[in-house]
C-alpha atoms as a PDB file:
ATOM      1  CA  ILE A   1      63.283 146.017-177.495  1.00  0.00           C
ATOM      2  CA  ALA A   2      60.462 144.616-175.390  1.00  0.00           C
ATOM      3  CA  LEU A   3      60.748 143.631-171.716  1.00  0.00           C
ATOM      4  CA  THR A   4      57.549 142.168-170.343  1.00  0.00           C
ATOM      5  CA  PRO A   5      56.534 140.113-167.287  1.00  0.00           C
ATOM      6  CA  TYR A   6      53.870 137.580-168.185  1.00  0.00           C
ATOM      7  CA  VAL A   7      52.203 136.923-164.841  1.00  0.00           C
ATOM      8  CA  SER A   8      51.086 138.656-161.654  1.00  0.00           C
ATOM      9  CA  GLY A   9      52.381 137.963-158.164  1.00  0.00           C
ATOM     10  CA  LEU A  10      49.106 136.234-157.250  1.00  0.00           C
ATOM     11  CA  ALA A  11      49.448 133.790-160.133  1.00  0.00           C
ATOM     12  CA  GLN A  12      52.983 132.940-159.062  1.00  0.00           C
ATOM     13  CA  GLU A  13      51.868 132.418-155.460  1.00  0.00           C
ATOM     14  CA  ALA A  14      49.525 129.625-156.555  1.00  0.00           C
ATOM     15  CA  TYR A  15      52.248 127.817-158.465  1.00  0.00           C
ATOM     16  CA  ARG A  16      55.502 126.468-157.074  1.00  0.00           C
ATOM     17  CA  PRO A  17      58.122 125.944-159.777  1.00  0.00           C
ATOM     18  CA  SER A  18      60.883 123.354-159.509  1.00  0.00           C
ATOM     19  CA  GLY A  19      63.455 126.146-159.354  1.00  0.00           C
ATOM     20  CA  VAL A  20      63.745 129.903-158.883  1.00  0.00           C
ATOM     21  CA  ILE A  21      65.868 132.327-160.901  1.00  0.00           C
ATOM     22  CA  ASP A  22      67.754 133.753-157.936  1.00  0.00           C
ATOM     23  CA  TYR A  23      69.765 136.204-160.051  1.00  0.00           C
ATOM     24  CA  GLU A  24      70.345 136.969-163.697  1.00  0.00           C
ATOM     25  CA  ARG A  25      72.286 139.760-165.402  1.00  0.00           C
ATOM     26  CA  HIS A  26      72.500 140.528-169.110  1.00  0.00           C
ATOM     27  CA  VAL A  27      74.931 143.111-170.470  1.00  0.00           C
ATOM     28  CA  ILE A  28      74.238 143.810-174.156  1.00  0.00           C
ATOM     29  CA  ILE A  29      76.506 145.893-176.397  1.00  0.00           C
ATOM     30  CA  VAL A  30      74.818 147.050-179.602  1.00  0.00           C
ATOM     31  CA  HIS A  31      76.975 148.136-182.557  1.00  0.00           C
ATOM     32  CA  ALA A  32      76.090 150.660-185.278  1.00  0.00           C
ATOM     33  CA  ASP A  33      75.261 147.964-187.844  1.00  0.00           C
ATOM     34  CA  GLY A  34      72.864 146.116-185.545  1.00  0.00           C
ATOM     35  CA  ARG A  35      75.318 143.432-184.419  1.00  0.00           C
ATOM     36  CA  HIS A  36      75.375 142.863-180.686  1.00  0.00           C
ATOM     37  CA  GLU A  37      77.292 141.051-177.968  1.00  0.00           C
ATOM     38  CA  ARG A  38      75.766 139.671-174.798  1.00  0.00           C
ATOM     39  CA  TYR A  39      77.387 138.737-171.498  1.00  0.00           C
ATOM     40  CA  MET A  40      75.022 136.805-169.266  1.00  0.00           C
ATOM     41  CA  THR A  41      75.098 135.258-165.812  1.00  0.00           C
ATOM     42  CA  VAL A  42      72.210 133.156-164.489  1.00  0.00           C
ATOM     43  CA  GLU A  43      71.847 131.639-161.005  1.00  0.00           C
ATOM     44  CA  THR A  44      69.020 129.163-160.420  1.00  0.00           C
ATOM     45  CA  GLU A  45      68.094 127.755-157.011  1.00  0.00           C
ATOM     46  CA  VAL A  46      66.673 124.215-156.936  1.00  0.00           C
ATOM     47  CA  ALA A  47      63.376 124.462-155.037  1.00  0.00           C
ATOM     48  CA  THR A  48      61.719 121.025-155.157  1.00  0.00           C
ATOM     49  CA  PRO A  49      62.653 117.347-155.554  1.00  0.00           C
ATOM     50  CA  ALA A  50      61.473 117.552-159.171  1.00  0.00           C
ATOM     51  CA  GLY A  51      63.939 120.396-159.701  1.00  0.00           C
ATOM     52  CA  ILE A  52      66.889 118.061-159.157  1.00  0.00           C
ATOM     53  CA  GLU A  53      66.183 116.552-162.562  1.00  0.00           C
ATOM     54  CA  ASP A  54      64.413 119.493-164.203  1.00  0.00           C
ATOM     55  CA  ARG A  55      67.093 122.061-163.379  1.00  0.00           C
ATOM     56  CA  GLY A  56      70.127 119.785-163.236  1.00  0.00           C
ATOM     57  CA  GLN A  57      70.395 119.953-167.012  1.00  0.00           C
ATOM     58  CA  GLN A  58      69.959 123.389-168.558  1.00  0.00           C
ATOM     59  CA  THR A  59      69.736 124.289-172.230  1.00  0.00           C
ATOM     60  CA  ILE A  60      70.547 127.567-173.993  1.00  0.00           C
ATOM     61  CA  SER A  61      69.394 127.685-177.612  1.00  0.00           C
ATOM     62  CA  TYR A  62      70.785 129.855-180.400  1.00  0.00           C
ATOM     63  CA  ASN A  63      70.765 130.286-184.170  1.00  0.00           C
ATOM     64  CA  SER A  64      74.141 129.042-185.397  1.00  0.00           C
ATOM     65  CA  THR A  65      73.810 130.885-188.704  1.00  0.00           C
ATOM     66  CA  LEU A  66      73.283 134.278-187.077  1.00  0.00           C
ATOM     67  CA  GLU A  67      75.229 133.975-183.831  1.00  0.00           C
ATOM     68  CA  THR A  68      77.874 132.217-181.785  1.00  0.00           C
ATOM     69  CA  LEU A  69      77.482 131.153-178.167  1.00  0.00           C
ATOM     70  CA  GLU A  70      80.113 130.112-175.645  1.00  0.00           C
ATOM     71  CA  ILE A  71      79.570 128.892-172.081  1.00  0.00           C
ATOM     72  CA  THR A  72      82.353 130.667-170.175  1.00  0.00           C
ATOM     73  CA  GLY A  73      81.765 129.046-166.790  1.00  0.00           C
ATOM     74  CA  ALA A  74      79.343 126.828-164.886  1.00  0.00           C
ATOM     75  CA  SER A  75      79.185 125.332-161.406  1.00  0.00           C
ATOM     76  CA  THR A  76      76.962 124.027-158.635  1.00  0.00           C
ATOM     77  CA  VAL A  77      77.135 125.692-155.222  1.00  0.00           C
ATOM     78  CA  THR A  78      75.570 123.506-152.522  1.00  0.00           C
ATOM     79  CA  ARG A  79      73.633 124.716-149.503  1.00  0.00           C
ATOM     80  CA  ASP A  80      76.863 124.257-147.518  1.00  0.00           C
ATOM     81  CA  GLY A  81      78.703 126.601-149.869  1.00  0.00           C
ATOM     82  CA  VAL A  82      80.801 123.948-151.613  1.00  0.00           C
ATOM     83  CA  ASN A  83      81.539 124.806-155.251  1.00  0.00           C
ATOM     84  CA  TYR A  84      81.550 122.019-157.851  1.00  0.00           C
ATOM     85  CA  PRO A  85      82.653 123.248-161.306  1.00  0.00           C
ATOM     86  CA  VAL A  86      80.981 121.665-164.337  1.00  0.00           C
ATOM     87  CA  ALA A  87      83.447 119.474-166.233  1.00  0.00           C
ATOM     88  CA  LYS A  88      84.194 120.490-169.821  1.00  0.00           C
ATOM     89  CA  ASP A  89      82.728 117.263-171.193  1.00  0.00           C
ATOM     90  CA  LYS A  90      79.433 118.075-169.427  1.00  0.00           C
ATOM     91  CA  ILE A  91      78.932 121.153-171.614  1.00  0.00           C
ATOM     92  CA  ARG A  92      77.702 119.893-174.968  1.00  0.00           C
ATOM     93  CA  THR A  93      76.431 121.260-178.266  1.00  0.00           C
ATOM     94  CA  LEU A  94      73.408 119.471-179.704  1.00  0.00           C
ATOM     95  CA  GLU A  95      71.389 119.797-182.891  1.00  0.00           C
ATOM     96  CA  ASP A  96      67.733 120.820-182.788  1.00  0.00           C
ATOM     97  CA  GLU A  97      65.670 117.798-181.670  1.00  0.00           C
ATOM     98  CA  LEU A  98      62.869 118.768-184.056  1.00  0.00           C
ATOM     99  CA  THR A  99      65.152 118.006-186.995  1.00  0.00           C
ATOM    100  CA  ALA A 100      66.890 114.923-185.659  1.00  0.00           C
ATOM    101  CA  GLY A 101      68.340 113.016-188.570  1.00  0.00           C
ATOM    102  CA  ALA A 102      68.100 116.110-190.783  1.00  0.00           C
ATOM    103  CA  ALA A 103      70.322 118.585-188.965  1.00  0.00           C
ATOM    104  CA  GLU A 104      71.355 120.277-192.196  1.00  0.00           C
ATOM    105  CA  PHE A 105      67.842 121.785-192.376  1.00  0.00           C
ATOM    106  CA  SER A 106      68.069 123.489-188.979  1.00  0.00           C
ATOM    107  CA  ASP A 107      70.082 126.484-187.834  1.00  0.00           C
ATOM    108  CA  THR A 108      69.085 125.938-184.214  1.00  0.00           C
ATOM    109  CA  LYS A 109      71.726 124.581-181.847  1.00  0.00           C
ATOM    110  CA  HIS A 110      71.587 123.957-178.120  1.00  0.00           C
ATOM    111  CA  LYS A 111      74.283 124.314-175.479  1.00  0.00           C
ATOM    112  CA  VAL A 112      73.469 121.783-172.770  1.00  0.00           C
ATOM    113  CA  ILE A 113      74.979 122.107-169.291  1.00  0.00           C
ATOM    114  CA  ILE A 114      74.862 119.049-166.994  1.00  0.00           C
ATOM    115  CA  PHE A 115      75.419 120.185-163.405  1.00  0.00           C
ATOM    116  CA  PRO A 116      77.000 117.971-160.708  1.00  0.00           C
ATOM    117  CA  GLN A 117      75.887 117.477-157.092  1.00  0.00           C
ATOM    118  CA  VAL A 118      72.384 118.848-157.646  1.00  0.00           C
ATOM    119  CA  ASP A 119      70.097 118.866-154.602  1.00  0.00           C
ATOM    120  CA  ILE A 120      67.335 121.014-153.100  1.00  0.00           C
ATOM    121  CA  GLY A 121      68.720 124.405-152.111  1.00  0.00           C
ATOM    122  CA  ALA A 122      71.725 124.184-154.440  1.00  0.00           C
ATOM    123  CA  LYS A 123      72.459 127.069-156.780  1.00  0.00           C
ATOM    124  CA  LEU A 124      73.219 126.245-160.408  1.00  0.00           C
ATOM    125  CA  ILE A 125      75.278 129.024-161.971  1.00  0.00           C
ATOM    126  CA  PHE A 126      76.447 129.604-165.507  1.00  0.00           C
ATOM    127  CA  SER A 127      77.979 132.444-167.504  1.00  0.00           C
ATOM    128  CA  ALA A 128      77.872 132.786-171.269  1.00  0.00           C
ATOM    129  CA  TYR A 129      79.046 135.084-174.041  1.00  0.00           C
ATOM    130  CA  SER A 130      77.236 135.382-177.354  1.00  0.00           C
ATOM    131  CA  VAL A 131      77.792 137.411-180.521  1.00  0.00           C
ATOM    132  CA  GLN A 132      75.035 138.030-183.026  1.00  0.00           C
ATOM    133  CA  HIS A 133      77.239 138.674-186.050  1.00  0.00           C
ATOM    134  CA  THR A 134      74.285 138.804-188.488  1.00  0.00           C
ATOM    135  CA  PRO A 135      71.265 140.885-187.404  1.00  0.00           C
ATOM    136  CA  HIS A 136      67.752 139.544-188.007  1.00  0.00           C
ATOM    137  CA  PHE A 137      67.133 142.655-190.100  1.00  0.00           C
ATOM    138  CA  SER A 138      69.920 144.492-191.961  1.00  0.00           C
ATOM    139  CA  ASP A 139      71.440 147.276-189.820  1.00  0.00           C
ATOM    140  CA  LYS A 140      68.690 146.834-187.217  1.00  0.00           C
ATOM    141  CA  PHE A 141      68.820 145.633-183.610  1.00  0.00           C
ATOM    142  CA  PHE A 142      65.981 143.489-182.298  1.00  0.00           C
ATOM    143  CA  LEU A 143      65.560 141.868-178.871  1.00  0.00           C
ATOM    144  CA  VAL A 144      62.676 140.453-176.833  1.00  0.00           C
ATOM    145  CA  ALA A 145      63.250 139.685-173.134  1.00  0.00           C
ATOM    146  CA  PRO A 146      60.192 137.866-171.729  1.00  0.00           C
ATOM    147  CA  PHE A 147      59.633 136.793-168.127  1.00  0.00           C
ATOM    148  CA  PRO A 148      57.657 133.527-168.539  1.00  0.00           C
ATOM    149  CA  ALA A 149      54.675 132.726-166.342  1.00  0.00           C
ATOM    150  CA  HIS A 150      56.178 129.451-165.111  1.00  0.00           C
ATOM    151  CA  GLU A 151      59.295 131.121-163.661  1.00  0.00           C
ATOM    152  CA  ILE A 152      59.914 133.254-160.574  1.00  0.00           C
ATOM    153  CA  PHE A 153      62.636 135.912-160.852  1.00  0.00           C
ATOM    154  CA  ARG A 154      64.070 137.235-157.602  1.00  0.00           C
ATOM    155  CA  ARG A 155      66.558 139.554-159.285  1.00  0.00           C
ATOM    156  CA  SER A 156      66.859 140.324-162.975  1.00  0.00           C
ATOM    157  CA  GLU A 157      68.993 142.998-164.624  1.00  0.00           C
ATOM    158  CA  TYR A 158      69.386 144.111-168.243  1.00  0.00           C
ATOM    159  CA  VAL A 159      72.085 146.652-169.096  1.00  0.00           C
ATOM    160  CA  LEU A 160      72.185 147.905-172.695  1.00  0.00           C
ATOM    161  CA  TYR A 161      74.977 149.933-174.314  1.00  0.00           C
ATOM    162  CA  ILE A 162      73.705 151.231-177.637  1.00  0.00           C
ATOM    163  CA  HIS A 163      75.695 152.951-180.386  1.00  0.00           C
ATOM    164  CA  PRO A 164      74.567 156.624-180.531  1.00  0.00           C
ATOM    165  CA  SER A 165      73.792 156.406-184.255  1.00  0.00           C
ATOM    166  CA  LEU A 166      70.925 153.988-183.560  1.00  0.00           C
ATOM    167  CA  ASN A 167      67.436 155.178-182.702  1.00  0.00           C
ATOM    168  CA  ILE A 168      66.372 152.470-180.279  1.00  0.00           C
ATOM    169  CA  GLN A 169      62.799 152.166-179.041  1.00  0.00           C
ATOM    170  CA  ILE A 170      62.325 150.316-175.753  1.00  0.00           C
ATOM    171  CA  ALA A 171      58.922 149.109-174.546  1.00  0.00           C
ATOM    172  CA  GLU A 172      58.641 147.868-170.981  1.00  0.00           C
ATOM    173  CA  ASN A 173      55.604 146.638-169.091  1.00  0.00           C
ATOM    174  CA  GLU A 174      55.785 146.927-165.280  1.00  0.00           C
ATOM    175  CA  ILE A 175      59.593 147.065-165.389  1.00  0.00           C
ATOM    176  CA  ARG A 176      61.594 149.653-163.426  1.00  0.00           C
ATOM    177  CA  GLY A 177      64.578 151.426-164.966  1.00  0.00           C
ATOM    178  CA  GLY A 178      65.417 153.597-167.926  1.00  0.00           C
ATOM    179  CA  LYS A 179      68.080 155.593-169.732  1.00  0.00           C
ATOM    180  CA  LEU A 180      71.442 156.267-168.029  1.00  0.00           C
ATOM    181  CA  PRO A 181      73.091 159.725-168.216  1.00  0.00           C
ATOM    182  CA  LEU A 182      76.164 158.838-170.298  1.00  0.00           C
ATOM    183  CA  LYS A 183      77.944 161.310-172.598  1.00  0.00           C
ATOM    184  CA  LYS A 184      79.121 159.039-175.420  1.00  0.00           C
ATOM    185  CA  ASP A 185      77.045 155.867-175.482  1.00  0.00           C
ATOM    186  CA  THR A 186      73.330 155.386-174.994  1.00  0.00           C
ATOM    187  CA  ALA A 187      72.692 153.039-172.092  1.00  0.00           C
ATOM    188  CA  TYR A 188      69.599 151.709-170.361  1.00  0.00           C
ATOM    189  CA  HIS A 189      69.523 149.935-167.011  1.00  0.00           C
ATOM    190  CA  PHE A 190      66.651 147.754-165.805  1.00  0.00           C
ATOM    191  CA  PRO A 191      67.520 146.812-162.198  1.00  0.00           C
ATOM    192  CA  PRO A 192      65.970 144.201-159.881  1.00  0.00           C
ATOM    193  CA  GLY A 193      62.458 144.852-158.719  1.00  0.00           C
ATOM    194  CA  ALA A 194      60.043 144.360-161.611  1.00  0.00           C
ATOM    195  CA  LYS A 195      56.499 144.726-160.284  1.00  0.00           C
ATOM    196  CA  GLY A 196      55.166 141.376-159.125  1.00  0.00           C
ATOM    197  CA  TYR A 197      58.612 139.720-159.074  1.00  0.00           C
ATOM    198  CA  ASP A 198      60.072 140.763-155.691  1.00  0.00           C
END
């Protein structure tokens, strides 16, 4: 597992993105055979006029041969605190654009969420549940969690519950956190506060 920020605080200060990841939380349950489940919640704040369009439609990609993905909830919360749930028909599954017209050659699918009432200061929130039923490598667990240079993360958490039979190696670069003192499972917690992201 690798968790790595890609940019320093100074680099972020010189660039103003269209939105800010106000909060994200990933809970990952790793089974003995390398399969894993992920529960995720992501809250994005619209920061600029360009963000109304850029962030108003969000895409989560996945490999449909190896995993399943379900959007379990999505809504817009305005600056005034009004909650507008995303209608079911505004959550769509699309084929990979790179293979348009030849979808049978691509395993990549995209869940697209179209948020209502998007404006500057609004928070766009979604929750999702995914299951990787076929590991990338037999009986092995593999995960990369990058923090891209073009995004600002105010709070980001990764919680991993790992079957004790697995020997997991975790590499983190400027990320706080570590192993939790549990008796049965092996768990790691990486709380908010990665260097350069507060």
